[in-house]
Amino acid sequence: VFERLQEAQGIKVGSTYAELSKYFRADGGITSGNQHRFDMILCPCIKIDVEFANKDGKKVSASIFSIPDDARVSSISKPYLEQPFAD
């Protein structure tokens, strides 16, 4: 768990969606607006909430399935523990 937590903390503001998707996948459940919830691939109970911006700094308000790989993390929560959701 400690190693997974270190990986989660390695995602910072400025990381790309492509970098994030190496360790995280979209979590189920309802998301609101620009904020997306992700769970860790290797430890699904570790989650983060993330907002993205494009290269011009404008918030990306796309569905999780259409976020460009070069979109940058503009806001990220601390990792937290929660049961995985299934839709």
PDB file of N, CA and C in Angstrom:
ATOM      1  N   VAL A   1       0.831  -1.188   0.000  1.00  0.00           N
ATOM      2  CA  VAL A   1       0.000   0.000   0.000  1.00  0.00           C
ATOM      3  C   VAL A   1       0.879   1.256   0.000  1.00  0.00           C
ATOM      4  N   PHE A   2       1.982   1.213   0.724  1.00  0.00           N
ATOM      5  CA  PHE A   2       2.867   2.373   0.780  1.00  0.00           C
ATOM      6  C   PHE A   2       3.389   2.733  -0.607  1.00  0.00           C
ATOM      7  N   GLU A   3       3.788   1.725  -1.390  1.00  0.00           N
ATOM      8  CA  GLU A   3       4.282   1.984  -2.748  1.00  0.00           C
ATOM      9  C   GLU A   3       3.191   2.588  -3.626  1.00  0.00           C
ATOM     10  N   ARG A   4       1.971   2.099  -3.495  1.00  0.00           N
ATOM     11  CA  ARG A   4       0.857   2.645  -4.281  1.00  0.00           C
ATOM     12  C   ARG A   4       0.585   4.089  -3.883  1.00  0.00           C
ATOM     13  N   LEU A   5       0.658   4.386  -2.587  1.00  0.00           N
ATOM     14  CA  LEU A   5       0.447   5.750  -2.115  1.00  0.00           C
ATOM     15  C   LEU A   5       1.511   6.686  -2.686  1.00  0.00           C
ATOM     16  N   GLN A   6       2.757   6.237  -2.738  1.00  0.00           N
ATOM     17  CA  GLN A   6       3.828   7.051  -3.322  1.00  0.00           C
ATOM     18  C   GLN A   6       3.547   7.320  -4.801  1.00  0.00           C
ATOM     19  N   GLU A   7       3.062   6.305  -5.533  1.00  0.00           N
ATOM     20  CA  GLU A   7       2.720   6.508  -6.942  1.00  0.00           C
ATOM     21  C   GLU A   7       1.601   7.538  -7.080  1.00  0.00           C
ATOM     22  N   ALA A   8       0.599   7.440  -6.217  1.00  0.00           N
ATOM     23  CA  ALA A   8      -0.523   8.381  -6.254  1.00  0.00           C
ATOM     24  C   ALA A   8      -0.042   9.801  -5.974  1.00  0.00           C
ATOM     25  N   GLN A   9       0.861   9.958  -5.035  1.00  0.00           N
ATOM     26  CA  GLN A   9       1.369  11.277  -4.692  1.00  0.00           C
ATOM     27  C   GLN A   9       2.312  11.829  -5.756  1.00  0.00           C
ATOM     28  N   GLY A  10       2.738  10.977  -6.689  1.00  0.00           N
ATOM     29  CA  GLY A  10       3.594  11.417  -7.783  1.00  0.00           C
ATOM     30  C   GLY A  10       2.839  12.190  -8.857  1.00  0.00           C
ATOM     31  N   ILE A  11       1.516  12.090  -8.866  1.00  0.00           N
ATOM     32  CA  ILE A  11       0.702  12.861  -9.802  1.00  0.00           C
ATOM     33  C   ILE A  11       0.505  14.244  -9.197  1.00  0.00           C
ATOM     34  N   LYS A  12       0.948  15.253  -9.911  1.00  0.00           N
ATOM     35  CA  LYS A  12       0.924  16.629  -9.402  1.00  0.00           C
ATOM     36  C   LYS A  12       0.226  17.544 -10.402  1.00  0.00           C
ATOM     37  N   VAL A  13      -0.084  18.757  -9.974  1.00  0.00           N
ATOM     38  CA  VAL A  13      -0.567  19.778 -10.898  1.00  0.00           C
ATOM     39  C   VAL A  13       0.495  19.923 -11.989  1.00  0.00           C
ATOM     40  N   GLY A  14       0.061  19.888 -13.231  1.00  0.00           N
ATOM     41  CA  GLY A  14       0.975  19.954 -14.366  1.00  0.00           C
ATOM     42  C   GLY A  14       1.214  18.605 -15.024  1.00  0.00           C
ATOM     43  N   SER A  15       0.915  17.500 -14.326  1.00  0.00           N
ATOM     44  CA  SER A  15       1.026  16.177 -14.947  1.00  0.00           C
ATOM     45  C   SER A  15      -0.002  16.070 -16.069  1.00  0.00           C
ATOM     46  N   THR A  16       0.295  15.284 -17.082  1.00  0.00           N
ATOM     47  CA  THR A  16      -0.648  15.111 -18.183  1.00  0.00           C
ATOM     48  C   THR A  16      -1.635  13.988 -17.877  1.00  0.00           C
ATOM     49  N   TYR A  17      -2.724  13.997 -18.619  1.00  0.00           N
ATOM     50  CA  TYR A  17      -3.698  12.912 -18.503  1.00  0.00           C
ATOM     51  C   TYR A  17      -3.039  11.578 -18.851  1.00  0.00           C
ATOM     52  N   ALA A  18      -2.140  11.574 -19.835  1.00  0.00           N
ATOM     53  CA  ALA A  18      -1.438  10.343 -20.216  1.00  0.00           C
ATOM     54  C   ALA A  18      -0.605   9.811 -19.045  1.00  0.00           C
ATOM     55  N   GLU A  19       0.065  10.694 -18.309  1.00  0.00           N
ATOM     56  CA  GLU A  19       0.852  10.263 -17.141  1.00  0.00           C
ATOM     57  C   GLU A  19      -0.057   9.707 -16.055  1.00  0.00           C
ATOM     58  N   LEU A  20      -1.168  10.384 -15.808  1.00  0.00           N
ATOM     59  CA  LEU A  20      -2.112   9.946 -14.791  1.00  0.00           C
ATOM     60  C   LEU A  20      -2.690   8.576 -15.139  1.00  0.00           C
ATOM     61  N   SER A  21      -2.990   8.363 -16.420  1.00  0.00           N
ATOM     62  CA  SER A  21      -3.657   7.121 -16.818  1.00  0.00           C
ATOM     63  C   SER A  21      -2.751   5.895 -16.760  1.00  0.00           C
ATOM     64  N   LYS A  22      -1.472   6.076 -16.486  1.00  0.00           N
ATOM     65  CA  LYS A  22      -0.581   4.939 -16.264  1.00  0.00           C
ATOM     66  C   LYS A  22      -0.900   4.260 -14.937  1.00  0.00           C
ATOM     67  N   TYR A  23      -1.415   5.032 -13.979  1.00  0.00           N
ATOM     68  CA  TYR A  23      -1.662   4.530 -12.629  1.00  0.00           C
ATOM     69  C   TYR A  23      -3.135   4.528 -12.232  1.00  0.00           C
ATOM     70  N   PHE A  24      -3.942   5.365 -12.886  1.00  0.00           N
ATOM     71  CA  PHE A  24      -5.341   5.545 -12.497  1.00  0.00           C
ATOM     72  C   PHE A  24      -6.284   5.301 -13.667  1.00  0.00           C
ATOM     73  N   ARG A  25      -7.516   4.934 -13.324  1.00  0.00           N
ATOM     74  CA  ARG A  25      -8.585   4.807 -14.318  1.00  0.00           C
ATOM     75  C   ARG A  25      -9.813   5.520 -13.773  1.00  0.00           C
ATOM     76  N   ALA A  26     -10.723   5.830 -14.662  1.00  0.00           N
ATOM     77  CA  ALA A  26     -11.951   6.506 -14.247  1.00  0.00           C
ATOM     78  C   ALA A  26     -12.722   5.621 -13.287  1.00  0.00           C
ATOM     79  N   ASP A  27     -13.184   6.219 -12.211  1.00  0.00           N
ATOM     80  CA  ASP A  27     -13.994   5.499 -11.228  1.00  0.00           C
ATOM     81  C   ASP A  27     -15.452   5.583 -11.656  1.00  0.00           C
ATOM     82  N   GLY A  28     -16.244   4.640 -11.246  1.00  0.00           N
ATOM     83  CA  GLY A  28     -17.675   4.679 -11.520  1.00  0.00           C
ATOM     84  C   GLY A  28     -18.345   5.743 -10.672  1.00  0.00           C
ATOM     85  N   GLY A  29     -19.642   5.816 -10.754  1.00  0.00           N
ATOM     86  CA  GLY A  29     -20.385   6.794  -9.972  1.00  0.00           C
ATOM     87  C   GLY A  29     -20.576   8.087 -10.736  1.00  0.00           C
ATOM     88  N   ILE A  30     -21.199   9.024 -10.091  1.00  0.00           N
ATOM     89  CA  ILE A  30     -21.538  10.299 -10.712  1.00  0.00           C
ATOM     90  C   ILE A  30     -20.389  11.283 -10.513  1.00  0.00           C
ATOM     91  N   THR A  31     -20.009  11.968 -11.592  1.00  0.00           N
ATOM     92  CA  THR A  31     -19.026  13.046 -11.493  1.00  0.00           C
ATOM     93  C   THR A  31     -19.730  14.349 -11.827  1.00  0.00           C
ATOM     94  N   SER A  32     -19.171  15.435 -11.338  1.00  0.00           N
ATOM     95  CA  SER A  32     -19.831  16.719 -11.557  1.00  0.00           C
ATOM     96  C   SER A  32     -18.921  17.666 -12.319  1.00  0.00           C
ATOM     97  N   GLY A  33     -19.454  18.259 -13.355  1.00  0.00           N
ATOM     98  CA  GLY A  33     -18.752  19.312 -14.088  1.00  0.00           C
ATOM     99  C   GLY A  33     -17.373  18.923 -14.552  1.00  0.00           C
ATOM    100  N   ASN A  34     -16.394  19.685 -14.122  1.00  0.00           N
ATOM    101  CA  ASN A  34     -15.017  19.502 -14.562  1.00  0.00           C
ATOM    102  C   ASN A  34     -14.239  18.510 -13.699  1.00  0.00           C
ATOM    103  N   GLN A  35     -14.782  18.145 -12.561  1.00  0.00           N
ATOM    104  CA  GLN A  35     -14.042  17.279 -11.646  1.00  0.00           C
ATOM    105  C   GLN A  35     -14.314  15.815 -11.961  1.00  0.00           C
ATOM    106  N   HIS A  36     -13.234  15.043 -12.043  1.00  0.00           N
ATOM    107  CA  HIS A  36     -13.329  13.624 -12.346  1.00  0.00           C
ATOM    108  C   HIS A  36     -12.697  12.820 -11.217  1.00  0.00           C
ATOM    109  N   ARG A  37     -13.320  11.691 -10.903  1.00  0.00           N
ATOM    110  CA  ARG A  37     -12.801  10.811  -9.850  1.00  0.00           C
ATOM    111  C   ARG A  37     -12.094   9.637 -10.517  1.00  0.00           C
ATOM    112  N   PHE A  38     -10.907   9.318 -10.009  1.00  0.00           N
ATOM    113  CA  PHE A  38     -10.119   8.205 -10.524  1.00  0.00           C
ATOM    114  C   PHE A  38      -9.789   7.262  -9.384  1.00  0.00           C
ATOM    115  N   ASP A  39      -9.703   5.962  -9.715  1.00  0.00           N
ATOM    116  CA  ASP A  39      -9.190   5.006  -8.739  1.00  0.00           C
ATOM    117  C   ASP A  39      -7.913   4.387  -9.297  1.00  0.00           C
ATOM    118  N   MET A  40      -7.064   3.966  -8.388  1.00  0.00           N
ATOM    119  CA  MET A  40      -5.773   3.424  -8.765  1.00  0.00           C
ATOM    120  C   MET A  40      -5.961   2.039  -9.365  1.00  0.00           C
ATOM    121  N   ILE A  41      -5.288   1.777 -10.460  1.00  0.00           N
ATOM    122  CA  ILE A  41      -5.428   0.499 -11.157  1.00  0.00           C
ATOM    123  C   ILE A  41      -5.011  -0.664 -10.268  1.00  0.00           C
ATOM    124  N   LEU A  42      -3.873  -0.546  -9.580  1.00  0.00           N
ATOM    125  CA  LEU A  42      -3.364  -1.641  -8.763  1.00  0.00           C
ATOM    126  C   LEU A  42      -3.932  -1.682  -7.349  1.00  0.00           C
ATOM    127  N   CYS A  43      -4.634  -0.640  -6.947  1.00  0.00           N
ATOM    128  CA  CYS A  43      -5.228  -0.592  -5.602  1.00  0.00           C
ATOM    129  C   CYS A  43      -6.475   0.293  -5.678  1.00  0.00           C
ATOM    130  N   PRO A  44      -7.608  -0.257  -6.158  1.00  0.00           N
ATOM    131  CA  PRO A  44      -8.793   0.545  -6.464  1.00  0.00           C
ATOM    132  C   PRO A  44      -9.409   1.310  -5.289  1.00  0.00           C
ATOM    133  N   CYS A  45      -9.003   1.019  -4.069  1.00  0.00           N
ATOM    134  CA  CYS A  45      -9.555   1.776  -2.943  1.00  0.00           C
ATOM    135  C   CYS A  45      -8.844   3.118  -2.756  1.00  0.00           C
ATOM    136  N   ILE A  46      -7.714   3.347  -3.461  1.00  0.00           N
ATOM    137  CA  ILE A  46      -7.034   4.645  -3.433  1.00  0.00           C
ATOM    138  C   ILE A  46      -7.587   5.478  -4.569  1.00  0.00           C
ATOM    139  N   LYS A  47      -8.113   6.658  -4.227  1.00  0.00           N
ATOM    140  CA  LYS A  47      -8.770   7.512  -5.212  1.00  0.00           C
ATOM    141  C   LYS A  47      -8.247   8.942  -5.140  1.00  0.00           C
ATOM    142  N   ILE A  48      -8.441   9.651  -6.257  1.00  0.00           N
ATOM    143  CA  ILE A  48      -8.146  11.076  -6.328  1.00  0.00           C
ATOM    144  C   ILE A  48      -9.236  11.753  -7.155  1.00  0.00           C
ATOM    145  N   ASP A  49      -9.468  13.023  -6.885  1.00  0.00           N
ATOM    146  CA  ASP A  49     -10.375  13.848  -7.677  1.00  0.00           C
ATOM    147  C   ASP A  49      -9.510  14.847  -8.439  1.00  0.00           C
ATOM    148  N   VAL A  50      -9.754  14.955  -9.752  1.00  0.00           N
ATOM    149  CA  VAL A  50      -8.870  15.728 -10.615  1.00  0.00           C
ATOM    150  C   VAL A  50      -9.676  16.631 -11.542  1.00  0.00           C
ATOM    151  N   GLU A  51      -9.134  17.821 -11.801  1.00  0.00           N
ATOM    152  CA  GLU A  51      -9.628  18.706 -12.850  1.00  0.00           C
ATOM    153  C   GLU A  51      -8.492  18.898 -13.846  1.00  0.00           C
ATOM    154  N   PHE A  52      -8.849  19.096 -15.123  1.00  0.00           N
ATOM    155  CA  PHE A  52      -7.862  19.242 -16.186  1.00  0.00           C
ATOM    156  C   PHE A  52      -8.011  20.582 -16.890  1.00  0.00           C
ATOM    157  N   ALA A  53      -6.903  21.035 -17.483  1.00  0.00           N
ATOM    158  CA  ALA A  53      -6.904  22.241 -18.306  1.00  0.00           C
ATOM    159  C   ALA A  53      -6.147  21.938 -19.594  1.00  0.00           C
ATOM    160  N   ASN A  54      -6.494  22.663 -20.655  1.00  0.00           N
ATOM    161  CA  ASN A  54      -5.761  22.495 -21.910  1.00  0.00           C
ATOM    162  C   ASN A  54      -4.493  23.336 -21.863  1.00  0.00           C
ATOM    163  N   LYS A  55      -3.737  23.355 -22.960  1.00  0.00           N
ATOM    164  CA  LYS A  55      -2.455  24.067 -22.955  1.00  0.00           C
ATOM    165  C   LYS A  55      -2.598  25.571 -22.772  1.00  0.00           C
ATOM    166  N   ASP A  56      -3.809  26.114 -23.040  1.00  0.00           N
ATOM    167  CA  ASP A  56      -4.061  27.534 -22.841  1.00  0.00           C
ATOM    168  C   ASP A  56      -4.535  27.851 -21.424  1.00  0.00           C
ATOM    169  N   GLY A  57      -4.657  26.832 -20.590  1.00  0.00           N
ATOM    170  CA  GLY A  57      -5.100  27.022 -19.218  1.00  0.00           C
ATOM    171  C   GLY A  57      -6.603  26.974 -19.028  1.00  0.00           C
ATOM    172  N   LYS A  58      -7.357  26.774 -20.099  1.00  0.00           N
ATOM    173  CA  LYS A  58      -8.813  26.703 -20.007  1.00  0.00           C
ATOM    174  C   LYS A  58      -9.230  25.322 -19.500  1.00  0.00           C
ATOM    175  N   LYS A  59     -10.162  25.297 -18.544  1.00  0.00           N
ATOM    176  CA  LYS A  59     -10.610  24.028 -17.972  1.00  0.00           C
ATOM    177  C   LYS A  59     -11.201  23.120 -19.043  1.00  0.00           C
ATOM    178  N   VAL A  60     -10.874  21.853 -18.941  1.00  0.00           N
ATOM    179  CA  VAL A  60     -11.415  20.847 -19.847  1.00  0.00           C
ATOM    180  C   VAL A  60     -12.689  20.313 -19.216  1.00  0.00           C
ATOM    181  N   SER A  61     -13.815  20.513 -19.882  1.00  0.00           N
ATOM    182  CA  SER A  61     -15.094  20.061 -19.336  1.00  0.00           C
ATOM    183  C   SER A  61     -15.651  18.928 -20.189  1.00  0.00           C
ATOM    184  N   ALA A  62     -14.788  18.003 -20.554  1.00  0.00           N
ATOM    185  CA  ALA A  62     -15.177  16.870 -21.390  1.00  0.00           C
ATOM    186  C   ALA A  62     -15.511  15.675 -20.511  1.00  0.00           C
ATOM    187  N   SER A  63     -16.184  14.717 -21.109  1.00  0.00           N
ATOM    188  CA  SER A  63     -16.416  13.467 -20.393  1.00  0.00           C
ATOM    189  C   SER A  63     -15.067  12.781 -20.213  1.00  0.00           C
ATOM    190  N   ILE A  64     -15.000  11.887 -19.279  1.00  0.00           N
ATOM    191  CA  ILE A  64     -13.759  11.187 -18.977  1.00  0.00           C
ATOM    192  C   ILE A  64     -13.235  10.435 -20.204  1.00  0.00           C
ATOM    193  N   PHE A  65     -14.116  10.097 -21.117  1.00  0.00           N
ATOM    194  CA  PHE A  65     -13.719   9.323 -22.294  1.00  0.00           C
ATOM    195  C   PHE A  65     -13.188  10.189 -23.424  1.00  0.00           C
ATOM    196  N   SER A  66     -13.253  11.508 -23.284  1.00  0.00           N
ATOM    197  CA  SER A  66     -12.772  12.380 -24.356  1.00  0.00           C
ATOM    198  C   SER A  66     -11.736  13.394 -23.884  1.00  0.00           C
ATOM    199  N   ILE A  67     -11.105  13.144 -22.755  1.00  0.00           N
ATOM    200  CA  ILE A  67     -10.045  14.040 -22.283  1.00  0.00           C
ATOM    201  C   ILE A  67      -8.798  13.773 -23.119  1.00  0.00           C
ATOM    202  N   PRO A  68      -8.224  14.804 -23.735  1.00  0.00           N
ATOM    203  CA  PRO A  68      -7.022  14.595 -24.551  1.00  0.00           C
ATOM    204  C   PRO A  68      -5.831  14.174 -23.683  1.00  0.00           C
ATOM    205  N   ASP A  69      -4.951  13.334 -24.240  1.00  0.00           N
ATOM    206  CA  ASP A  69      -3.790  12.847 -23.492  1.00  0.00           C
ATOM    207  C   ASP A  69      -2.876  13.971 -23.024  1.00  0.00           C
ATOM    208  N   ASP A  70      -2.870  15.111 -23.756  1.00  0.00           N
ATOM    209  CA  ASP A  70      -1.984  16.206 -23.368  1.00  0.00           C
ATOM    210  C   ASP A  70      -2.641  17.213 -22.420  1.00  0.00           C
ATOM    211  N   ALA A  71      -3.888  16.946 -22.016  1.00  0.00           N
ATOM    212  CA  ALA A  71      -4.523  17.807 -21.009  1.00  0.00           C
ATOM    213  C   ALA A  71      -3.722  17.718 -19.719  1.00  0.00           C
ATOM    214  N   ARG A  72      -3.601  18.835 -19.031  1.00  0.00           N
ATOM    215  CA  ARG A  72      -2.794  18.897 -17.806  1.00  0.00           C
ATOM    216  C   ARG A  72      -3.679  18.943 -16.571  1.00  0.00           C
ATOM    217  N   VAL A  73      -3.196  18.316 -15.509  1.00  0.00           N
ATOM    218  CA  VAL A  73      -3.881  18.370 -14.217  1.00  0.00           C
ATOM    219  C   VAL A  73      -3.809  19.803 -13.720  1.00  0.00           C
ATOM    220  N   SER A  74      -4.968  20.408 -13.456  1.00  0.00           N
ATOM    221  CA  SER A  74      -4.991  21.777 -12.941  1.00  0.00           C
ATOM    222  C   SER A  74      -5.339  21.816 -11.456  1.00  0.00           C
ATOM    223  N   SER A  75      -5.940  20.735 -10.975  1.00  0.00           N
ATOM    224  CA  SER A  75      -6.305  20.624  -9.568  1.00  0.00           C
ATOM    225  C   SER A  75      -6.379  19.148  -9.222  1.00  0.00           C
ATOM    226  N   ILE A  76      -5.869  18.794  -8.051  1.00  0.00           N
ATOM    227  CA  ILE A  76      -5.886  17.390  -7.638  1.00  0.00           C
ATOM    228  C   ILE A  76      -6.070  17.311  -6.125  1.00  0.00           C
ATOM    229  N   SER A  77      -6.889  16.380  -5.705  1.00  0.00           N
ATOM    230  CA  SER A  77      -7.107  16.171  -4.266  1.00  0.00           C
ATOM    231  C   SER A  77      -5.973  15.325  -3.700  1.00  0.00           C
ATOM    232  N   LYS A  78      -5.898  15.284  -2.396  1.00  0.00           N
ATOM    233  CA  LYS A  78      -5.014  14.322  -1.751  1.00  0.00           C
ATOM    234  C   LYS A  78      -5.604  12.936  -1.991  1.00  0.00           C
ATOM    235  N   PRO A  79      -4.762  11.904  -2.101  1.00  0.00           N
ATOM    236  CA  PRO A  79      -5.305  10.555  -2.230  1.00  0.00           C
ATOM    237  C   PRO A  79      -6.163  10.207  -1.008  1.00  0.00           C
ATOM    238  N   TYR A  80      -7.256   9.500  -1.256  1.00  0.00           N
ATOM    239  CA  TYR A  80      -8.129   9.073  -0.161  1.00  0.00           C
ATOM    240  C   TYR A  80      -8.593   7.642  -0.403  1.00  0.00           C
ATOM    241  N   LEU A  81      -9.093   7.021   0.641  1.00  0.00           N
ATOM    242  CA  LEU A  81      -9.570   5.641   0.553  1.00  0.00           C
ATOM    243  C   LEU A  81     -11.086   5.620   0.470  1.00  0.00           C
ATOM    244  N   GLU A  82     -11.610   4.793  -0.441  1.00  0.00           N
ATOM    245  CA  GLU A  82     -13.049   4.641  -0.598  1.00  0.00           C
ATOM    246  C   GLU A  82     -13.297   3.345  -1.357  1.00  0.00           C
ATOM    247  N   GLN A  83     -14.410   2.698  -1.079  1.00  0.00           N
ATOM    248  CA  GLN A  83     -14.789   1.500  -1.815  1.00  0.00           C
ATOM    249  C   GLN A  83     -14.950   1.829  -3.295  1.00  0.00           C
ATOM    250  N   PRO A  84     -14.534   0.943  -4.194  1.00  0.00           N
ATOM    251  CA  PRO A  84     -14.752   1.171  -5.627  1.00  0.00           C
ATOM    252  C   PRO A  84     -16.248   1.208  -5.955  1.00  0.00           C
ATOM    253  N   PHE A  85     -16.601   2.024  -6.951  1.00  0.00           N
ATOM    254  CA  PHE A  85     -17.973   2.092  -7.468  1.00  0.00           C
ATOM    255  C   PHE A  85     -18.056   1.240  -8.717  1.00  0.00           C
ATOM    256  N   ALA A  86     -19.215   0.718  -8.979  1.00  0.00           N
ATOM    257  CA  ALA A  86     -19.440  -0.025 -10.220  1.00  0.00           C
ATOM    258  C   ALA A  86     -20.744   0.465 -10.833  1.00  0.00           C
ATOM    259  N   ASP A  87     -20.673   0.879 -12.095  1.00  0.00           N
ATOM    260  CA  ASP A  87     -21.855   1.336 -12.811  1.00  0.00           C
ATOM    261  C   ASP A  87     -22.286   0.265 -13.786  1.00  0.00           C
TER     262      ASP A  87
END
